[in-house]
Amino acid sequence: MAGGRMLVLSRKRDEQIVIADNIVITVIEIRGEKVRLGIQAPAEIPVHRKEVYEAIQRKKEKEASGATGREPRRPSA
């Protein structure tokens, strides 16, 4: 994601943004500083909030490195 350009758009409620031919983002609601968006995308394209995406990536990295986050089991005497 880093290194790309950012397109900044202004949209009002119920207005949309189209990405490629198959992703549509709709402004559902604007309340104070909070904006609710609806995202229509094909099922094979994952859509996540950034903090969820980052958590998924950390989990994948941990799994790939073989780390489980648990102490190894010790044999009982």
PDB file of N, CA and C in Angstrom:
ATOM      1  N   MET A   1       0.806  -1.186   0.000  1.00  0.00           N
ATOM      2  CA  MET A   1       0.000   0.000   0.000  1.00  0.00           C
ATOM      3  C   MET A   1       0.858   1.262   0.000  1.00  0.00           C
ATOM      4  N   ALA A   2       2.040   1.209   0.544  1.00  0.00           N
ATOM      5  CA  ALA A   2       2.881   2.387   0.637  1.00  0.00           C
ATOM      6  C   ALA A   2       3.423   2.768  -0.732  1.00  0.00           C
ATOM      7  N   GLY A   3       3.672   4.057  -0.905  1.00  0.00           N
ATOM      8  CA  GLY A   3       4.304   4.516  -2.132  1.00  0.00           C
ATOM      9  C   GLY A   3       3.344   4.916  -3.232  1.00  0.00           C
ATOM     10  N   GLY A   4       2.058   4.599  -3.094  1.00  0.00           N
ATOM     11  CA  GLY A   4       1.094   4.964  -4.122  1.00  0.00           C
ATOM     12  C   GLY A   4       0.598   6.379  -3.933  1.00  0.00           C
ATOM     13  N   ARG A   5      -0.056   6.869  -4.940  1.00  0.00           N
ATOM     14  CA  ARG A   5      -0.664   8.192  -4.857  1.00  0.00           C
ATOM     15  C   ARG A   5      -2.038   8.073  -4.228  1.00  0.00           C
ATOM     16  N   MET A   6      -2.499   9.180  -3.664  1.00  0.00           N
ATOM     17  CA  MET A   6      -3.824   9.188  -3.058  1.00  0.00           C
ATOM     18  C   MET A   6      -4.710  10.165  -3.828  1.00  0.00           C
ATOM     19  N   LEU A   7      -5.830   9.672  -4.283  1.00  0.00           N
ATOM     20  CA  LEU A   7      -6.841  10.501  -4.919  1.00  0.00           C
ATOM     21  C   LEU A   7      -7.798  10.956  -3.830  1.00  0.00           C
ATOM     22  N   VAL A   8      -7.996  12.245  -3.691  1.00  0.00           N
ATOM     23  CA  VAL A   8      -8.876  12.786  -2.664  1.00  0.00           C
ATOM     24  C   VAL A   8     -10.143  13.296  -3.343  1.00  0.00           C
ATOM     25  N   LEU A   9     -11.284  12.775  -2.904  1.00  0.00           N
ATOM     26  CA  LEU A   9     -12.573  13.139  -3.496  1.00  0.00           C
ATOM     27  C   LEU A   9     -13.520  13.653  -2.422  1.00  0.00           C
ATOM     28  N   SER A  10     -14.394  14.535  -2.811  1.00  0.00           N
ATOM     29  CA  SER A  10     -15.481  14.978  -1.933  1.00  0.00           C
ATOM     30  C   SER A  10     -16.755  14.297  -2.408  1.00  0.00           C
ATOM     31  N   ARG A  11     -17.515  13.744  -1.488  1.00  0.00           N
ATOM     32  CA  ARG A  11     -18.771  13.082  -1.822  1.00  0.00           C
ATOM     33  C   ARG A  11     -19.820  13.490  -0.805  1.00  0.00           C
ATOM     34  N   LYS A  12     -21.043  13.539  -1.228  1.00  0.00           N
ATOM     35  CA  LYS A  12     -22.171  13.790  -0.337  1.00  0.00           C
ATOM     36  C   LYS A  12     -22.893  12.472  -0.094  1.00  0.00           C
ATOM     37  N   ARG A  13     -23.821  12.486   0.850  1.00  0.00           N
ATOM     38  CA  ARG A  13     -24.594  11.290   1.160  1.00  0.00           C
ATOM     39  C   ARG A  13     -25.245  10.733  -0.109  1.00  0.00           C
ATOM     40  N   ASP A  14     -25.228   9.425  -0.231  1.00  0.00           N
ATOM     41  CA  ASP A  14     -25.784   8.675  -1.361  1.00  0.00           C
ATOM     42  C   ASP A  14     -24.974   8.798  -2.655  1.00  0.00           C
ATOM     43  N   GLU A  15     -23.858   9.504  -2.631  1.00  0.00           N
ATOM     44  CA  GLU A  15     -23.012   9.558  -3.821  1.00  0.00           C
ATOM     45  C   GLU A  15     -22.032   8.387  -3.785  1.00  0.00           C
ATOM     46  N   GLN A  16     -21.513   8.043  -4.953  1.00  0.00           N
ATOM     47  CA  GLN A  16     -20.693   6.843  -5.063  1.00  0.00           C
ATOM     48  C   GLN A  16     -19.347   7.104  -5.709  1.00  0.00           C
ATOM     49  N   ILE A  17     -18.458   6.172  -5.485  1.00  0.00           N
ATOM     50  CA  ILE A  17     -17.149   6.113  -6.133  1.00  0.00           C
ATOM     51  C   ILE A  17     -17.033   4.718  -6.733  1.00  0.00           C
ATOM     52  N   VAL A  18     -16.575   4.634  -7.966  1.00  0.00           N
ATOM     53  CA  VAL A  18     -16.407   3.342  -8.641  1.00  0.00           C
ATOM     54  C   VAL A  18     -14.921   3.086  -8.834  1.00  0.00           C
ATOM     55  N   ILE A  19     -14.473   1.880  -8.441  1.00  0.00           N
ATOM     56  CA  ILE A  19     -13.085   1.464  -8.615  1.00  0.00           C
ATOM     57  C   ILE A  19     -13.088   0.287  -9.575  1.00  0.00           C
ATOM     58  N   ALA A  20     -12.304   0.434 -10.637  1.00  0.00           N
ATOM     59  CA  ALA A  20     -12.282  -0.565 -11.716  1.00  0.00           C
ATOM     60  C   ALA A  20     -13.717  -0.758 -12.207  1.00  0.00           C
ATOM     61  N   ASP A  21     -14.076  -1.972 -12.550  1.00  0.00           N
ATOM     62  CA  ASP A  21     -15.437  -2.234 -13.036  1.00  0.00           C
ATOM     63  C   ASP A  21     -16.305  -2.921 -12.007  1.00  0.00           C
ATOM     64  N   ASN A  22     -15.717  -3.262 -10.845  1.00  0.00           N
ATOM     65  CA  ASN A  22     -16.465  -4.153  -9.966  1.00  0.00           C
ATOM     66  C   ASN A  22     -16.501  -3.767  -8.488  1.00  0.00           C
ATOM     67  N   ILE A  23     -16.066  -2.562  -8.160  1.00  0.00           N
ATOM     68  CA  ILE A  23     -16.130  -2.114  -6.765  1.00  0.00           C
ATOM     69  C   ILE A  23     -16.834  -0.765  -6.710  1.00  0.00           C
ATOM     70  N   VAL A  24     -17.862  -0.674  -5.876  1.00  0.00           N
ATOM     71  CA  VAL A  24     -18.613   0.573  -5.720  1.00  0.00           C
ATOM     72  C   VAL A  24     -18.639   0.932  -4.239  1.00  0.00           C
ATOM     73  N   ILE A  25     -18.228   2.153  -3.933  1.00  0.00           N
ATOM     74  CA  ILE A  25     -18.256   2.656  -2.566  1.00  0.00           C
ATOM     75  C   ILE A  25     -19.328   3.735  -2.504  1.00  0.00           C
ATOM     76  N   THR A  26     -20.258   3.596  -1.565  1.00  0.00           N
ATOM     77  CA  THR A  26     -21.368   4.533  -1.420  1.00  0.00           C
ATOM     78  C   THR A  26     -21.287   5.198  -0.051  1.00  0.00           C
ATOM     79  N   VAL A  27     -21.455   6.521  -0.033  1.00  0.00           N
ATOM     80  CA  VAL A  27     -21.537   7.241   1.235  1.00  0.00           C
ATOM     81  C   VAL A  27     -22.950   7.020   1.765  1.00  0.00           C
ATOM     82  N   ILE A  28     -23.060   6.289   2.858  1.00  0.00           N
ATOM     83  CA  ILE A  28     -24.355   5.929   3.438  1.00  0.00           C
ATOM     84  C   ILE A  28     -24.857   7.023   4.378  1.00  0.00           C
ATOM     85  N   GLU A  29     -23.940   7.514   5.218  1.00  0.00           N
ATOM     86  CA  GLU A  29     -24.357   8.476   6.240  1.00  0.00           C
ATOM     87  C   GLU A  29     -23.163   9.322   6.664  1.00  0.00           C
ATOM     88  N   ILE A  30     -23.424  10.587   6.953  1.00  0.00           N
ATOM     89  CA  ILE A  30     -22.402  11.474   7.508  1.00  0.00           C
ATOM     90  C   ILE A  30     -22.996  12.045   8.792  1.00  0.00           C
ATOM     91  N   ARG A  31     -22.313  11.761   9.904  1.00  0.00           N
ATOM     92  CA  ARG A  31     -22.797  12.234  11.200  1.00  0.00           C
ATOM     93  C   ARG A  31     -21.611  12.795  11.968  1.00  0.00           C
ATOM     94  N   GLY A  32     -21.526  14.127  12.058  1.00  0.00           N
ATOM     95  CA  GLY A  32     -20.385  14.755  12.718  1.00  0.00           C
ATOM     96  C   GLY A  32     -19.104  14.423  11.979  1.00  0.00           C
ATOM     97  N   GLU A  33     -18.138  13.858  12.702  1.00  0.00           N
ATOM     98  CA  GLU A  33     -16.861  13.486  12.091  1.00  0.00           C
ATOM     99  C   GLU A  33     -16.834  12.043  11.613  1.00  0.00           C
ATOM    100  N   LYS A  34     -17.952  11.350  11.687  1.00  0.00           N
ATOM    101  CA  LYS A  34     -18.009   9.943  11.307  1.00  0.00           C
ATOM    102  C   LYS A  34     -18.750   9.788   9.977  1.00  0.00           C
ATOM    103  N   VAL A  35     -18.153   9.016   9.084  1.00  0.00           N
ATOM    104  CA  VAL A  35     -18.746   8.737   7.772  1.00  0.00           C
ATOM    105  C   VAL A  35     -18.978   7.238   7.670  1.00  0.00           C
ATOM    106  N   ARG A  36     -20.191   6.830   7.299  1.00  0.00           N
ATOM    107  CA  ARG A  36     -20.478   5.408   7.080  1.00  0.00           C
ATOM    108  C   ARG A  36     -20.441   5.146   5.583  1.00  0.00           C
ATOM    109  N   LEU A  37     -19.693   4.130   5.202  1.00  0.00           N
ATOM    110  CA  LEU A  37     -19.543   3.759   3.801  1.00  0.00           C
ATOM    111  C   LEU A  37     -20.109   2.375   3.564  1.00  0.00           C
ATOM    112  N   GLY A  38     -20.707   2.186   2.407  1.00  0.00           N
ATOM    113  CA  GLY A  38     -21.115   0.863   1.956  1.00  0.00           C
ATOM    114  C   GLY A  38     -20.188   0.465   0.821  1.00  0.00           C
ATOM    115  N   ILE A  39     -19.694  -0.760   0.846  1.00  0.00           N
ATOM    116  CA  ILE A  39     -18.749  -1.213  -0.176  1.00  0.00           C
ATOM    117  C   ILE A  39     -19.299  -2.462  -0.834  1.00  0.00           C
ATOM    118  N   GLN A  40     -19.507  -2.380  -2.144  1.00  0.00           N
ATOM    119  CA  GLN A  40     -19.928  -3.539  -2.936  1.00  0.00           C
ATOM    120  C   GLN A  40     -18.711  -4.015  -3.717  1.00  0.00           C
ATOM    121  N   ALA A  41     -18.336  -5.260  -3.488  1.00  0.00           N
ATOM    122  CA  ALA A  41     -17.177  -5.840  -4.170  1.00  0.00           C
ATOM    123  C   ALA A  41     -17.422  -7.325  -4.344  1.00  0.00           C
ATOM    124  N   PRO A  42     -16.808  -7.923  -5.356  1.00  0.00           N
ATOM    125  CA  PRO A  42     -16.939  -9.373  -5.520  1.00  0.00           C
ATOM    126  C   PRO A  42     -16.452 -10.106  -4.271  1.00  0.00           C
ATOM    127  N   ALA A  43     -17.042 -11.254  -4.011  1.00  0.00           N
ATOM    128  CA  ALA A  43     -16.717 -12.032  -2.814  1.00  0.00           C
ATOM    129  C   ALA A  43     -15.238 -12.405  -2.744  1.00  0.00           C
ATOM    130  N   GLU A  44     -14.574 -12.545  -3.880  1.00  0.00           N
ATOM    131  CA  GLU A  44     -13.162 -12.947  -3.863  1.00  0.00           C
ATOM    132  C   GLU A  44     -12.219 -11.787  -3.541  1.00  0.00           C
ATOM    133  N   ILE A  45     -12.746 -10.578  -3.402  1.00  0.00           N
ATOM    134  CA  ILE A  45     -11.919  -9.432  -3.034  1.00  0.00           C
ATOM    135  C   ILE A  45     -12.166  -9.119  -1.559  1.00  0.00           C
ATOM    136  N   PRO A  46     -11.177  -9.369  -0.700  1.00  0.00           N
ATOM    137  CA  PRO A  46     -11.378  -9.092   0.730  1.00  0.00           C
ATOM    138  C   PRO A  46     -11.442  -7.586   0.977  1.00  0.00           C
ATOM    139  N   VAL A  47     -12.346  -7.184   1.849  1.00  0.00           N
ATOM    140  CA  VAL A  47     -12.495  -5.778   2.233  1.00  0.00           C
ATOM    141  C   VAL A  47     -12.464  -5.729   3.762  1.00  0.00           C
ATOM    142  N   HIS A  48     -11.505  -4.972   4.313  1.00  0.00           N
ATOM    143  CA  HIS A  48     -11.346  -4.888   5.763  1.00  0.00           C
ATOM    144  C   HIS A  48     -11.058  -3.449   6.172  1.00  0.00           C
ATOM    145  N   ARG A  49     -11.415  -3.114   7.412  1.00  0.00           N
ATOM    146  CA  ARG A  49     -10.906  -1.883   8.007  1.00  0.00           C
ATOM    147  C   ARG A  49      -9.403  -2.069   8.163  1.00  0.00           C
ATOM    148  N   LYS A  50      -8.653  -0.967   8.131  1.00  0.00           N
ATOM    149  CA  LYS A  50      -7.196  -1.078   8.155  1.00  0.00           C
ATOM    150  C   LYS A  50      -6.690  -1.819   9.387  1.00  0.00           C
ATOM    151  N   GLU A  51      -7.257  -1.544  10.574  1.00  0.00           N
ATOM    152  CA  GLU A  51      -6.764  -2.192  11.784  1.00  0.00           C
ATOM    153  C   GLU A  51      -7.015  -3.700  11.752  1.00  0.00           C
ATOM    154  N   VAL A  52      -8.098  -4.125  11.114  1.00  0.00           N
ATOM    155  CA  VAL A  52      -8.382  -5.560  10.975  1.00  0.00           C
ATOM    156  C   VAL A  52      -7.398  -6.178   9.984  1.00  0.00           C
ATOM    157  N   TYR A  53      -7.162  -5.492   8.864  1.00  0.00           N
ATOM    158  CA  TYR A  53      -6.206  -5.962   7.859  1.00  0.00           C
ATOM    159  C   TYR A  53      -4.819  -6.151   8.484  1.00  0.00           C
ATOM    160  N   GLU A  54      -4.385  -5.166   9.276  1.00  0.00           N
ATOM    161  CA  GLU A  54      -3.069  -5.257   9.905  1.00  0.00           C
ATOM    162  C   GLU A  54      -2.988  -6.431  10.884  1.00  0.00           C
ATOM    163  N   ALA A  55      -4.066  -6.668  11.621  1.00  0.00           N
ATOM    164  CA  ALA A  55      -4.090  -7.807  12.554  1.00  0.00           C
ATOM    165  C   ALA A  55      -4.002  -9.121  11.783  1.00  0.00           C
ATOM    166  N   ILE A  56      -4.687  -9.225  10.668  1.00  0.00           N
ATOM    167  CA  ILE A  56      -4.637 -10.429   9.829  1.00  0.00           C
ATOM    168  C   ILE A  56      -3.214 -10.644   9.316  1.00  0.00           C
ATOM    169  N   GLN A  57      -2.573  -9.565   8.870  1.00  0.00           N
ATOM    170  CA  GLN A  57      -1.204  -9.677   8.360  1.00  0.00           C
ATOM    171  C   GLN A  57      -0.235 -10.118   9.451  1.00  0.00           C
ATOM    172  N   ARG A  58      -0.390  -9.565  10.660  1.00  0.00           N
ATOM    173  CA  ARG A  58       0.479  -9.989  11.776  1.00  0.00           C
ATOM    174  C   ARG A  58       0.291 -11.472  12.075  1.00  0.00           C
ATOM    175  N   LYS A  59      -0.956 -11.928  12.057  1.00  0.00           N
ATOM    176  CA  LYS A  59      -1.228 -13.340  12.320  1.00  0.00           C
ATOM    177  C   LYS A  59      -0.588 -14.222  11.245  1.00  0.00           C
ATOM    178  N   LYS A  60      -0.710 -13.820   9.980  1.00  0.00           N
ATOM    179  CA  LYS A  60      -0.102 -14.589   8.886  1.00  0.00           C
ATOM    180  C   LYS A  60       1.420 -14.647   9.037  1.00  0.00           C
ATOM    181  N   GLU A  61       2.023 -13.514   9.396  1.00  0.00           N
ATOM    182  CA  GLU A  61       3.478 -13.482   9.577  1.00  0.00           C
ATOM    183  C   GLU A  61       3.910 -14.399  10.715  1.00  0.00           C
ATOM    184  N   LYS A  62       3.129 -14.375  11.800  1.00  0.00           N
ATOM    185  CA  LYS A  62       3.434 -15.221  12.958  1.00  0.00           C
ATOM    186  C   LYS A  62       3.315 -16.694  12.579  1.00  0.00           C
ATOM    187  N   GLU A  63       2.257 -17.046  11.844  1.00  0.00           N
ATOM    188  CA  GLU A  63       2.065 -18.438  11.414  1.00  0.00           C
ATOM    189  C   GLU A  63       3.163 -18.874  10.458  1.00  0.00           C
ATOM    190  N   ALA A  64       3.576 -17.985   9.568  1.00  0.00           N
ATOM    191  CA  ALA A  64       4.619 -18.325   8.603  1.00  0.00           C
ATOM    192  C   ALA A  64       5.962 -18.550   9.280  1.00  0.00           C
ATOM    193  N   SER A  65       6.186 -17.842  10.387  1.00  0.00           N
ATOM    194  CA  SER A  65       7.462 -17.999  11.089  1.00  0.00           C
ATOM    195  C   SER A  65       7.443 -19.183  12.054  1.00  0.00           C
ATOM    196  N   GLY A  66       6.275 -19.811  12.190  1.00  0.00           N
ATOM    197  CA  GLY A  66       6.165 -20.964  13.072  1.00  0.00           C
ATOM    198  C   GLY A  66       5.915 -20.598  14.514  1.00  0.00           C
ATOM    199  N   ALA A  67       5.812 -19.315  14.816  1.00  0.00           N
ATOM    200  CA  ALA A  67       5.558 -18.880  16.197  1.00  0.00           C
ATOM    201  C   ALA A  67       4.081 -19.032  16.516  1.00  0.00           C
ATOM    202  N   THR A  68       3.793 -19.594  17.671  1.00  0.00           N
ATOM    203  CA  THR A  68       2.398 -19.768  18.081  1.00  0.00           C
ATOM    204  C   THR A  68       2.018 -18.824  19.198  1.00  0.00           C
ATOM    205  N   GLY A  69       3.009 -18.211  19.831  1.00  0.00           N
ATOM    206  CA  GLY A  69       2.726 -17.334  20.955  1.00  0.00           C
ATOM    207  C   GLY A  69       2.532 -18.080  22.258  1.00  0.00           C
ATOM    208  N   ARG A  70       2.671 -19.414  22.225  1.00  0.00           N
ATOM    209  CA  ARG A  70       2.504 -20.234  23.435  1.00  0.00           C
ATOM    210  C   ARG A  70       3.840 -20.820  23.847  1.00  0.00           C
ATOM    211  N   GLU A  71       3.953 -21.090  25.129  1.00  0.00           N
ATOM    212  CA  GLU A  71       5.125 -21.770  25.657  1.00  0.00           C
ATOM    213  C   GLU A  71       5.120 -23.221  25.174  1.00  0.00           C
ATOM    214  N   PRO A  72       6.272 -23.778  24.871  1.00  0.00           N
ATOM    215  CA  PRO A  72       6.313 -25.187  24.479  1.00  0.00           C
ATOM    216  C   PRO A  72       5.894 -26.072  25.664  1.00  0.00           C
ATOM    217  N   ARG A  73       5.234 -27.177  25.346  1.00  0.00           N
ATOM    218  CA  ARG A  73       4.814 -28.108  26.395  1.00  0.00           C
ATOM    219  C   ARG A  73       6.021 -28.843  26.936  1.00  0.00           C
ATOM    220  N   ARG A  74       6.034 -29.010  28.257  1.00  0.00           N
ATOM    221  CA  ARG A  74       7.103 -29.767  28.904  1.00  0.00           C
ATOM    222  C   ARG A  74       6.572 -31.116  29.312  1.00  0.00           C
ATOM    223  N   PRO A  75       7.352 -32.144  29.111  1.00  0.00           N
ATOM    224  CA  PRO A  75       6.886 -33.471  29.531  1.00  0.00           C
ATOM    225  C   PRO A  75       6.678 -33.523  31.038  1.00  0.00           C
ATOM    226  N   SER A  76       5.636 -34.196  31.460  1.00  0.00           N
ATOM    227  CA  SER A  76       5.391 -34.327  32.912  1.00  0.00           C
ATOM    228  C   SER A  76       6.263 -35.443  33.492  1.00  0.00           C
ATOM    229  N   ALA A  77       6.635 -35.263  34.745  1.00  0.00           N
ATOM    230  CA  ALA A  77       7.551 -36.221  35.390  1.00  0.00           C
ATOM    231  C   ALA A  77       6.846 -37.414  35.934  1.00  0.00           C
TER     232      ALA A  77
END
